Structure formats: C-alpha cells, structure tokens
C-alpha cells in the first residue's frame, strides 16, 4: 500500500502542477503548451480535475455495491465496513465533482447551477447516498444496520450507471454529448485532445483512482478499529 500511497501523491501533484502551470495557447510550439479547445479556452484545464473526480465517484459507488453484495452472501462484518467506507469516499468525490462542475458551469454558461441533466443526475446521487448515511445513523443494531445498508447499497449502485452515463444522453442539455448535440460527445469522451493534454488527462484518471484506493485502505483500517472498540464496549 505504500506504493499506492506515494504514487497517488506524486501523480496528483503532477496533475495539479501540469494542469495549472502549462499555458494554453492557440498555436502550441511544444510539449509544454496546451492548444486552445474551441469554446473552452483556459477553462479546459478543469478537464484534468472534474472528469477524473467524477469517474472516481462511479468507481467508489460500484465498489460499495460489490461489498454490499458480499456482505449479503457472507454476513462478514468486514464487507460492511468496506462497503460503507467506499460509499463515504464516493460521496466525497461526488461532492467534489459537483463543485468543480459548478465552477465550470459558471465560466461556461454564466451560472453555477443550471439544472442541466448531468448536474441534476449528480445531485440525485448526492441525495441517494445522503439517505444511505441517514439510514445507517438511524439504526443502532449492528447486524440490522449492516444488512439494510448492504441491500440499499446494491440498489443504489445499480442507479449509478444510469444517472451518470444514460440519463444525461437521453435529454437535451448544456453538456457535450447531450441529446441532439450536433457536435458529438465532446473532446473528453471522444479523446479529441492533443497528445500532451491526453497524457495529463490519463495520468489524472490513474492518480485520482490511486488516491481513492489509498484513502479506502485508511478508512477501512479505521473502521475495523472502531468496530472492535464498539464490540469491546458492549461486552
């Protein structure tokens, strides 16, 4: 896990420095200049942060669903700890995706929030998983809490691909790739970027996923200690 820890720190630092420091120009002359993406300009830098964070959100919620399923089959409390830990990180990354998306919306469309289908879908996910944590906090019995949470995480996880990948393409909206968009899926989904931008973007995807893995390991270890403490206190 030390490798994951240090790799995530190094790669995230690289993405932050490269994403902010490398200038965006109309006619780049080398690797250390990004070309201007029509309609985005300097705002294209947000691609390196908003999209990877949103992708990591999907990964975290699906991992939570997987461990919820494992708990239902085995009744092993370790899987409940892993499921809730991943859901918590997914909620965090979902919030960060919402914030970075709102900043992008302000500079691109004039307002922080426009109720675009993608904005609406990620807001719904925040509500779904907010209710998940409300459910857990309302239940005192550990086994009942774990069982109901596992079932909830499985159902909630099934909605994630729909709200992230399907719903925004079924409706007209401001994001590239929405229904009726004549320009196609946009530079991110079609990977229509210069080679140096693509490298930073792919590194960002790896970096934020490694960061998630590291944070998940920390949270699971803390969760196990909390569980053991609660078991000792109940004796």
C-alpha atoms as a PDB file:
ATOM      1  CA  UNK A   1       0.000   0.000   0.000  1.00  0.00           C
ATOM      2  CA  UNK A   2       2.997   2.328   0.418  1.00  0.00           C
ATOM      3  CA  UNK A   3       3.464   2.185  -3.353  1.00  0.00           C
ATOM      4  CA  UNK A   4      -0.153   3.243  -3.899  1.00  0.00           C
ATOM      5  CA  UNK A   5       0.179   5.997  -1.305  1.00  0.00           C
ATOM      6  CA  UNK A   6       3.319   7.576  -2.720  1.00  0.00           C
ATOM      7  CA  UNK A   7       2.249   7.025  -6.328  1.00  0.00           C
ATOM      8  CA  UNK A   8      -1.054   8.818  -5.715  1.00  0.00           C
ATOM      9  CA  UNK A   9       0.706  11.739  -4.018  1.00  0.00           C
ATOM     10  CA  UNK A  10       3.263  12.087  -6.827  1.00  0.00           C
ATOM     11  CA  UNK A  11       0.721  11.738  -9.651  1.00  0.00           C
ATOM     12  CA  UNK A  12      -1.890  14.059  -8.118  1.00  0.00           C
ATOM     13  CA  UNK A  13       0.848  16.652  -7.522  1.00  0.00           C
ATOM     14  CA  UNK A  14       1.963  16.280 -11.143  1.00  0.00           C
ATOM     15  CA  UNK A  15      -1.600  16.741 -12.421  1.00  0.00           C
ATOM     16  CA  UNK A  16      -2.145  19.848 -10.275  1.00  0.00           C
ATOM     17  CA  UNK A  17       1.121  21.446 -11.415  1.00  0.00           C
ATOM     18  CA  UNK A  18       0.755  20.487 -15.086  1.00  0.00           C
ATOM     19  CA  UNK A  19      -2.952  21.327 -15.198  1.00  0.00           C
ATOM     20  CA  UNK A  20      -2.428  24.796 -13.758  1.00  0.00           C
ATOM     21  CA  UNK A  21       1.062  25.821 -14.858  1.00  0.00           C
ATOM     22  CA  UNK A  22       1.220  24.744 -18.518  1.00  0.00           C
ATOM     23  CA  UNK A  23      -0.055  27.650 -20.640  1.00  0.00           C
ATOM     24  CA  UNK A  24      -2.938  27.286 -23.101  1.00  0.00           C
ATOM     25  CA  UNK A  25      -2.205  28.955 -26.464  1.00  0.00           C
ATOM     26  CA  UNK A  26      -3.732  28.993 -29.931  1.00  0.00           C
ATOM     27  CA  UNK A  27      -0.629  27.682 -31.661  1.00  0.00           C
ATOM     28  CA  UNK A  28       1.387  25.476 -29.281  1.00  0.00           C
ATOM     29  CA  UNK A  29       5.065  25.087 -30.119  1.00  0.00           C
ATOM     30  CA  UNK A  30       5.988  22.162 -27.889  1.00  0.00           C
ATOM     31  CA  UNK A  31       5.033  19.703 -25.164  1.00  0.00           C
ATOM     32  CA  UNK A  32       4.809  22.426 -22.532  1.00  0.00           C
ATOM     33  CA  UNK A  33       1.949  24.277 -24.216  1.00  0.00           C
ATOM     34  CA  UNK A  34      -1.665  23.155 -24.458  1.00  0.00           C
ATOM     35  CA  UNK A  35      -3.734  24.033 -27.528  1.00  0.00           C
ATOM     36  CA  UNK A  36      -6.889  26.068 -27.017  1.00  0.00           C
ATOM     37  CA  UNK A  37     -10.036  23.938 -27.226  1.00  0.00           C
ATOM     38  CA  UNK A  38     -12.766  25.913 -29.068  1.00  0.00           C
ATOM     39  CA  UNK A  39     -15.396  27.195 -26.660  1.00  0.00           C
ATOM     40  CA  UNK A  40     -13.359  26.373 -23.552  1.00  0.00           C
ATOM     41  CA  UNK A  41     -10.117  28.347 -23.671  1.00  0.00           C
ATOM     42  CA  UNK A  42      -8.408  28.425 -20.266  1.00  0.00           C
ATOM     43  CA  UNK A  43     -11.403  26.621 -18.781  1.00  0.00           C
ATOM     44  CA  UNK A  44     -10.252  23.412 -20.480  1.00  0.00           C
ATOM     45  CA  UNK A  45      -7.903  22.870 -17.514  1.00  0.00           C
ATOM     46  CA  UNK A  46     -10.889  21.701 -15.495  1.00  0.00           C
ATOM     47  CA  UNK A  47     -10.928  18.559 -17.653  1.00  0.00           C
ATOM     48  CA  UNK A  48      -7.973  17.291 -15.618  1.00  0.00           C
ATOM     49  CA  UNK A  49      -9.904  17.563 -12.347  1.00  0.00           C
ATOM     50  CA  UNK A  50     -13.665  17.429 -12.893  1.00  0.00           C
ATOM     51  CA  UNK A  51     -13.799  14.366 -15.149  1.00  0.00           C
ATOM     52  CA  UNK A  52     -11.359  12.141 -13.160  1.00  0.00           C
ATOM     53  CA  UNK A  53     -13.103  13.019  -9.893  1.00  0.00           C
ATOM     54  CA  UNK A  54     -16.485  12.160 -11.434  1.00  0.00           C
ATOM     55  CA  UNK A  55     -15.099   8.866 -12.730  1.00  0.00           C
ATOM     56  CA  UNK A  56     -13.676   8.019  -9.306  1.00  0.00           C
ATOM     57  CA  UNK A  57     -17.147   8.671  -7.879  1.00  0.00           C
ATOM     58  CA  UNK A  58     -18.550   5.936 -10.111  1.00  0.00           C
ATOM     59  CA  UNK A  59     -15.782   3.513  -9.120  1.00  0.00           C
ATOM     60  CA  UNK A  60     -16.312   4.151  -5.398  1.00  0.00           C
ATOM     61  CA  UNK A  61     -20.080   3.668  -5.539  1.00  0.00           C
ATOM     62  CA  UNK A  62     -19.764   0.465  -7.578  1.00  0.00           C
ATOM     63  CA  UNK A  63     -17.173  -0.902  -5.137  1.00  0.00           C
ATOM     64  CA  UNK A  64     -19.589  -0.099  -2.309  1.00  0.00           C
ATOM     65  CA  UNK A  65     -22.286  -2.060  -4.143  1.00  0.00           C
ATOM     66  CA  UNK A  66     -19.905  -5.004  -4.626  1.00  0.00           C
ATOM     67  CA  UNK A  67     -19.002  -5.210  -0.945  1.00  0.00           C
ATOM     68  CA  UNK A  68     -22.665  -4.804  -0.013  1.00  0.00           C
ATOM     69  CA  UNK A  69     -23.366  -7.873  -2.140  1.00  0.00           C
ATOM     70  CA  UNK A  70     -20.504  -9.727  -0.453  1.00  0.00           C
ATOM     71  CA  UNK A  71     -21.946  -8.899   2.955  1.00  0.00           C
ATOM     72  CA  UNK A  72     -25.393 -10.202   1.991  1.00  0.00           C
ATOM     73  CA  UNK A  73     -23.834 -13.512   0.960  1.00  0.00           C
ATOM     74  CA  UNK A  74     -21.392 -13.980   3.836  1.00  0.00           C
ATOM     75  CA  UNK A  75     -22.633 -11.790   6.734  1.00  0.00           C
ATOM     76  CA  UNK A  76     -18.970 -10.898   7.263  1.00  0.00           C
ATOM     77  CA  UNK A  77     -18.849  -7.504   9.007  1.00  0.00           C
ATOM     78  CA  UNK A  78     -15.588  -6.650   7.242  1.00  0.00           C
ATOM     79  CA  UNK A  79     -17.523  -6.335   3.992  1.00  0.00           C
ATOM     80  CA  UNK A  80     -19.951  -3.908   5.608  1.00  0.00           C
ATOM     81  CA  UNK A  81     -17.012  -1.784   6.740  1.00  0.00           C
ATOM     82  CA  UNK A  82     -15.564  -1.814   3.218  1.00  0.00           C
ATOM     83  CA  UNK A  83     -18.937  -1.025   1.687  1.00  0.00           C
ATOM     84  CA  UNK A  84     -19.668   1.991   3.893  1.00  0.00           C
ATOM     85  CA  UNK A  85     -16.066   3.209   3.605  1.00  0.00           C
ATOM     86  CA  UNK A  86     -16.240   3.172  -0.182  1.00  0.00           C
ATOM     87  CA  UNK A  87     -19.668   4.825  -0.153  1.00  0.00           C
ATOM     88  CA  UNK A  88     -18.292   7.608   2.041  1.00  0.00           C
ATOM     89  CA  UNK A  89     -15.415   8.243  -0.337  1.00  0.00           C
ATOM     90  CA  UNK A  90     -17.819   8.087  -3.271  1.00  0.00           C
ATOM     91  CA  UNK A  91     -19.944  10.747  -1.591  1.00  0.00           C
ATOM     92  CA  UNK A  92     -16.833  12.897  -1.082  1.00  0.00           C
ATOM     93  CA  UNK A  93     -15.731  12.573  -4.705  1.00  0.00           C
ATOM     94  CA  UNK A  94     -19.318  13.152  -5.859  1.00  0.00           C
ATOM     95  CA  UNK A  95     -19.359  16.405  -3.890  1.00  0.00           C
ATOM     96  CA  UNK A  96     -16.011  17.433  -5.419  1.00  0.00           C
ATOM     97  CA  UNK A  97     -17.342  16.612  -8.890  1.00  0.00           C
ATOM     98  CA  UNK A  98     -20.366  18.789  -8.176  1.00  0.00           C
ATOM     99  CA  UNK A  99     -18.203  21.695  -7.003  1.00  0.00           C
ATOM    100  CA  UNK A 100     -15.754  21.515  -9.931  1.00  0.00           C
ATOM    101  CA  UNK A 101     -18.692  21.142 -12.314  1.00  0.00           C
ATOM    102  CA  UNK A 102     -20.405  24.186 -10.819  1.00  0.00           C
ATOM    103  CA  UNK A 103     -17.226  26.244 -11.272  1.00  0.00           C
ATOM    104  CA  UNK A 104     -17.024  25.103 -14.881  1.00  0.00           C
ATOM    105  CA  UNK A 105     -20.710  25.967 -15.401  1.00  0.00           C
ATOM    106  CA  UNK A 106     -20.197  29.479 -14.011  1.00  0.00           C
ATOM    107  CA  UNK A 107     -17.479  30.324 -16.508  1.00  0.00           C
ATOM    108  CA  UNK A 108     -19.015  28.442 -19.442  1.00  0.00           C
ATOM    109  CA  UNK A 109     -22.735  29.072 -19.046  1.00  0.00           C
ATOM    110  CA  UNK A 110     -22.928  32.074 -16.722  1.00  0.00           C
ATOM    111  CA  UNK A 111     -24.367  30.389 -13.611  1.00  0.00           C
ATOM    112  CA  UNK A 112     -23.058  27.903 -11.060  1.00  0.00           C
ATOM    113  CA  UNK A 113     -26.202  25.808 -11.412  1.00  0.00           C
ATOM    114  CA  UNK A 114     -28.415  25.407 -14.492  1.00  0.00           C
ATOM    115  CA  UNK A 115     -30.279  22.147 -13.764  1.00  0.00           C
ATOM    116  CA  UNK A 116     -28.615  20.587 -16.768  1.00  0.00           C
ATOM    117  CA  UNK A 117     -29.303  16.799 -16.915  1.00  0.00           C
ATOM    118  CA  UNK A 118     -25.767  15.991 -15.746  1.00  0.00           C
ATOM    119  CA  UNK A 119     -26.000  18.478 -12.880  1.00  0.00           C
ATOM    120  CA  UNK A 120     -29.387  17.072 -11.943  1.00  0.00           C
ATOM    121  CA  UNK A 121     -28.217  13.454 -12.082  1.00  0.00           C
ATOM    122  CA  UNK A 122     -25.202  14.025  -9.842  1.00  0.00           C
ATOM    123  CA  UNK A 123     -27.411  15.968  -7.400  1.00  0.00           C
ATOM    124  CA  UNK A 124     -29.768  12.977  -7.278  1.00  0.00           C
ATOM    125  CA  UNK A 125     -26.803  10.715  -6.470  1.00  0.00           C
ATOM    126  CA  UNK A 126     -25.866  13.016  -3.588  1.00  0.00           C
ATOM    127  CA  UNK A 127     -29.414  12.689  -2.258  1.00  0.00           C
ATOM    128  CA  UNK A 128     -29.434   8.895  -2.693  1.00  0.00           C
ATOM    129  CA  UNK A 129     -26.218   8.396  -0.782  1.00  0.00           C
ATOM    130  CA  UNK A 130     -27.069  11.083   1.742  1.00  0.00           C
ATOM    131  CA  UNK A 131     -30.146   8.978   2.533  1.00  0.00           C
ATOM    132  CA  UNK A 132     -27.863   5.926   2.802  1.00  0.00           C
ATOM    133  CA  UNK A 133     -25.881   7.533   5.602  1.00  0.00           C
ATOM    134  CA  UNK A 134     -29.067   8.802   7.239  1.00  0.00           C
ATOM    135  CA  UNK A 135     -30.341   5.209   7.253  1.00  0.00           C
ATOM    136  CA  UNK A 136     -27.157   3.929   8.878  1.00  0.00           C
ATOM    137  CA  UNK A 137     -27.200   6.617  11.553  1.00  0.00           C
ATOM    138  CA  UNK A 138     -30.827   5.788  12.425  1.00  0.00           C
ATOM    139  CA  UNK A 139     -30.109   2.107  13.171  1.00  0.00           C
ATOM    140  CA  UNK A 140     -28.363   1.063  16.372  1.00  0.00           C
ATOM    141  CA  UNK A 141     -28.258  -2.703  15.926  1.00  0.00           C
ATOM    142  CA  UNK A 142     -25.058  -3.504  14.009  1.00  0.00           C
ATOM    143  CA  UNK A 143     -26.372  -6.548  12.147  1.00  0.00           C
ATOM    144  CA  UNK A 144     -29.627  -4.873  11.111  1.00  0.00           C
ATOM    145  CA  UNK A 145     -27.723  -1.753  10.045  1.00  0.00           C
ATOM    146  CA  UNK A 146     -25.248  -3.788   8.024  1.00  0.00           C
ATOM    147  CA  UNK A 147     -27.967  -5.882   6.353  1.00  0.00           C
ATOM    148  CA  UNK A 148     -30.210  -2.978   5.384  1.00  0.00           C
ATOM    149  CA  UNK A 149     -27.222  -0.873   4.308  1.00  0.00           C
ATOM    150  CA  UNK A 150     -25.951  -3.695   2.100  1.00  0.00           C
ATOM    151  CA  UNK A 151     -29.295  -4.033   0.328  1.00  0.00           C
ATOM    152  CA  UNK A 152     -29.534  -0.251  -0.042  1.00  0.00           C
ATOM    153  CA  UNK A 153     -26.004  -0.011  -1.460  1.00  0.00           C
ATOM    154  CA  UNK A 154     -26.806  -2.711  -4.017  1.00  0.00           C
ATOM    155  CA  UNK A 155     -29.930  -0.913  -5.212  1.00  0.00           C
ATOM    156  CA  UNK A 156     -28.222   2.492  -5.150  1.00  0.00           C
ATOM    157  CA  UNK A 157     -25.205   1.143  -7.044  1.00  0.00           C
ATOM    158  CA  UNK A 158     -27.448  -0.050  -9.864  1.00  0.00           C
ATOM    159  CA  UNK A 159     -28.697   3.506 -10.365  1.00  0.00           C
ATOM    160  CA  UNK A 160     -25.184   4.986 -10.706  1.00  0.00           C
ATOM    161  CA  UNK A 161     -24.514   3.984 -14.366  1.00  0.00           C
ATOM    162  CA  UNK A 162     -27.982   5.221 -15.323  1.00  0.00           C
ATOM    163  CA  UNK A 163     -27.597   8.645 -13.721  1.00  0.00           C
ATOM    164  CA  UNK A 164     -24.001   9.141 -14.896  1.00  0.00           C
ATOM    165  CA  UNK A 165     -23.949   7.576 -18.373  1.00  0.00           C
ATOM    166  CA  UNK A 166     -27.529   7.086 -19.611  1.00  0.00           C
ATOM    167  CA  UNK A 167     -29.838   9.829 -18.338  1.00  0.00           C
ATOM    168  CA  UNK A 168     -27.639  12.793 -19.465  1.00  0.00           C
ATOM    169  CA  UNK A 169     -27.687  11.406 -23.036  1.00  0.00           C
ATOM    170  CA  UNK A 170     -31.436  10.871 -23.091  1.00  0.00           C
ATOM    171  CA  UNK A 171     -32.215  14.563 -22.565  1.00  0.00           C
ATOM    172  CA  UNK A 172     -31.168  17.802 -24.191  1.00  0.00           C
ATOM    173  CA  UNK A 173     -28.676  19.769 -22.123  1.00  0.00           C
ATOM    174  CA  UNK A 174     -25.680  22.058 -21.998  1.00  0.00           C
ATOM    175  CA  UNK A 175     -23.029  19.349 -21.621  1.00  0.00           C
ATOM    176  CA  UNK A 176     -21.385  17.887 -24.739  1.00  0.00           C
ATOM    177  CA  UNK A 177     -22.978  14.602 -25.760  1.00  0.00           C
ATOM    178  CA  UNK A 178     -26.493  15.540 -24.661  1.00  0.00           C
ATOM    179  CA  UNK A 179     -29.442  14.531 -26.840  1.00  0.00           C
ATOM    180  CA  UNK A 180     -29.449  16.485 -30.081  1.00  0.00           C
ATOM    181  CA  UNK A 181     -25.881  17.771 -29.729  1.00  0.00           C
ATOM    182  CA  UNK A 182     -24.638  18.071 -33.322  1.00  0.00           C
ATOM    183  CA  UNK A 183     -21.014  18.384 -32.183  1.00  0.00           C
ATOM    184  CA  UNK A 184     -20.884  14.845 -30.833  1.00  0.00           C
ATOM    185  CA  UNK A 185     -19.742  13.625 -27.443  1.00  0.00           C
ATOM    186  CA  UNK A 186     -17.122  16.323 -26.920  1.00  0.00           C
ATOM    187  CA  UNK A 187     -13.325  16.312 -26.563  1.00  0.00           C
ATOM    188  CA  UNK A 188     -13.269  14.200 -23.403  1.00  0.00           C
ATOM    189  CA  UNK A 189     -15.449  11.233 -24.394  1.00  0.00           C
ATOM    190  CA  UNK A 190     -14.044  11.161 -27.918  1.00  0.00           C
ATOM    191  CA  UNK A 191     -10.491  11.825 -26.627  1.00  0.00           C
ATOM    192  CA  UNK A 192     -10.104  14.662 -29.128  1.00  0.00           C
ATOM    193  CA  UNK A 193      -7.200  16.265 -27.324  1.00  0.00           C
ATOM    194  CA  UNK A 194      -3.598  16.989 -28.127  1.00  0.00           C
ATOM    195  CA  UNK A 195      -1.155  14.263 -27.095  1.00  0.00           C
ATOM    196  CA  UNK A 196       0.214  16.225 -24.122  1.00  0.00           C
ATOM    197  CA  UNK A 197      -3.293  17.029 -22.825  1.00  0.00           C
ATOM    198  CA  UNK A 198      -4.298  13.398 -23.262  1.00  0.00           C
ATOM    199  CA  UNK A 199      -1.274  12.227 -21.253  1.00  0.00           C
ATOM    200  CA  UNK A 200      -2.106  14.587 -18.362  1.00  0.00           C
ATOM    201  CA  UNK A 201      -5.767  13.567 -18.530  1.00  0.00           C
ATOM    202  CA  UNK A 202      -4.975   9.830 -18.411  1.00  0.00           C
ATOM    203  CA  UNK A 203      -2.467  10.382 -15.592  1.00  0.00           C
ATOM    204  CA  UNK A 204      -5.214  12.264 -13.727  1.00  0.00           C
ATOM    205  CA  UNK A 205      -7.571   9.296 -14.090  1.00  0.00           C
ATOM    206  CA  UNK A 206      -4.936   6.971 -12.645  1.00  0.00           C
ATOM    207  CA  UNK A 207      -3.929   9.473  -9.945  1.00  0.00           C
ATOM    208  CA  UNK A 208      -7.402  10.021  -8.513  1.00  0.00           C
ATOM    209  CA  UNK A 209      -8.185   6.314  -8.606  1.00  0.00           C
ATOM    210  CA  UNK A 210      -4.969   5.543  -6.727  1.00  0.00           C
ATOM    211  CA  UNK A 211      -5.858   8.276  -4.257  1.00  0.00           C
ATOM    212  CA  UNK A 212      -9.219   6.584  -3.754  1.00  0.00           C
ATOM    213  CA  UNK A 213      -7.567   3.179  -3.166  1.00  0.00           C
ATOM    214  CA  UNK A 214      -5.197   4.673  -0.589  1.00  0.00           C
ATOM    215  CA  UNK A 215      -7.975   6.552   1.222  1.00  0.00           C
ATOM    216  CA  UNK A 216     -10.165   3.439   1.158  1.00  0.00           C
ATOM    217  CA  UNK A 217      -7.421   1.414   2.832  1.00  0.00           C
ATOM    218  CA  UNK A 218      -7.068   4.073   5.545  1.00  0.00           C
ATOM    219  CA  UNK A 219     -10.808   4.292   6.100  1.00  0.00           C
ATOM    220  CA  UNK A 220     -11.272   0.526   6.254  1.00  0.00           C
ATOM    221  CA  UNK A 221      -8.494   0.170   8.834  1.00  0.00           C
ATOM    222  CA  UNK A 222     -10.050   2.936  10.912  1.00  0.00           C
ATOM    223  CA  UNK A 223     -13.470   1.316  10.538  1.00  0.00           C
ATOM    224  CA  UNK A 224     -12.155  -2.023  11.793  1.00  0.00           C
ATOM    225  CA  UNK A 225     -10.664  -0.351  14.861  1.00  0.00           C
ATOM    226  CA  UNK A 226     -13.954   1.445  15.546  1.00  0.00           C
ATOM    227  CA  UNK A 227     -15.860  -1.840  15.183  1.00  0.00           C
ATOM    228  CA  UNK A 228     -13.513  -3.695  17.561  1.00  0.00           C
ATOM    229  CA  UNK A 229     -13.810  -0.857  20.080  1.00  0.00           C
ATOM    230  CA  UNK A 230     -17.606  -0.950  19.950  1.00  0.00           C
ATOM    231  CA  UNK A 231     -17.571  -4.728  20.413  1.00  0.00           C
ATOM    232  CA  UNK A 232     -15.343  -4.431  23.487  1.00  0.00           C
ATOM    233  CA  UNK A 233     -17.529  -1.706  24.988  1.00  0.00           C
ATOM    234  CA  UNK A 234     -20.678  -3.801  24.504  1.00  0.00           C
ATOM    235  CA  UNK A 235     -19.214  -6.742  26.464  1.00  0.00           C
END
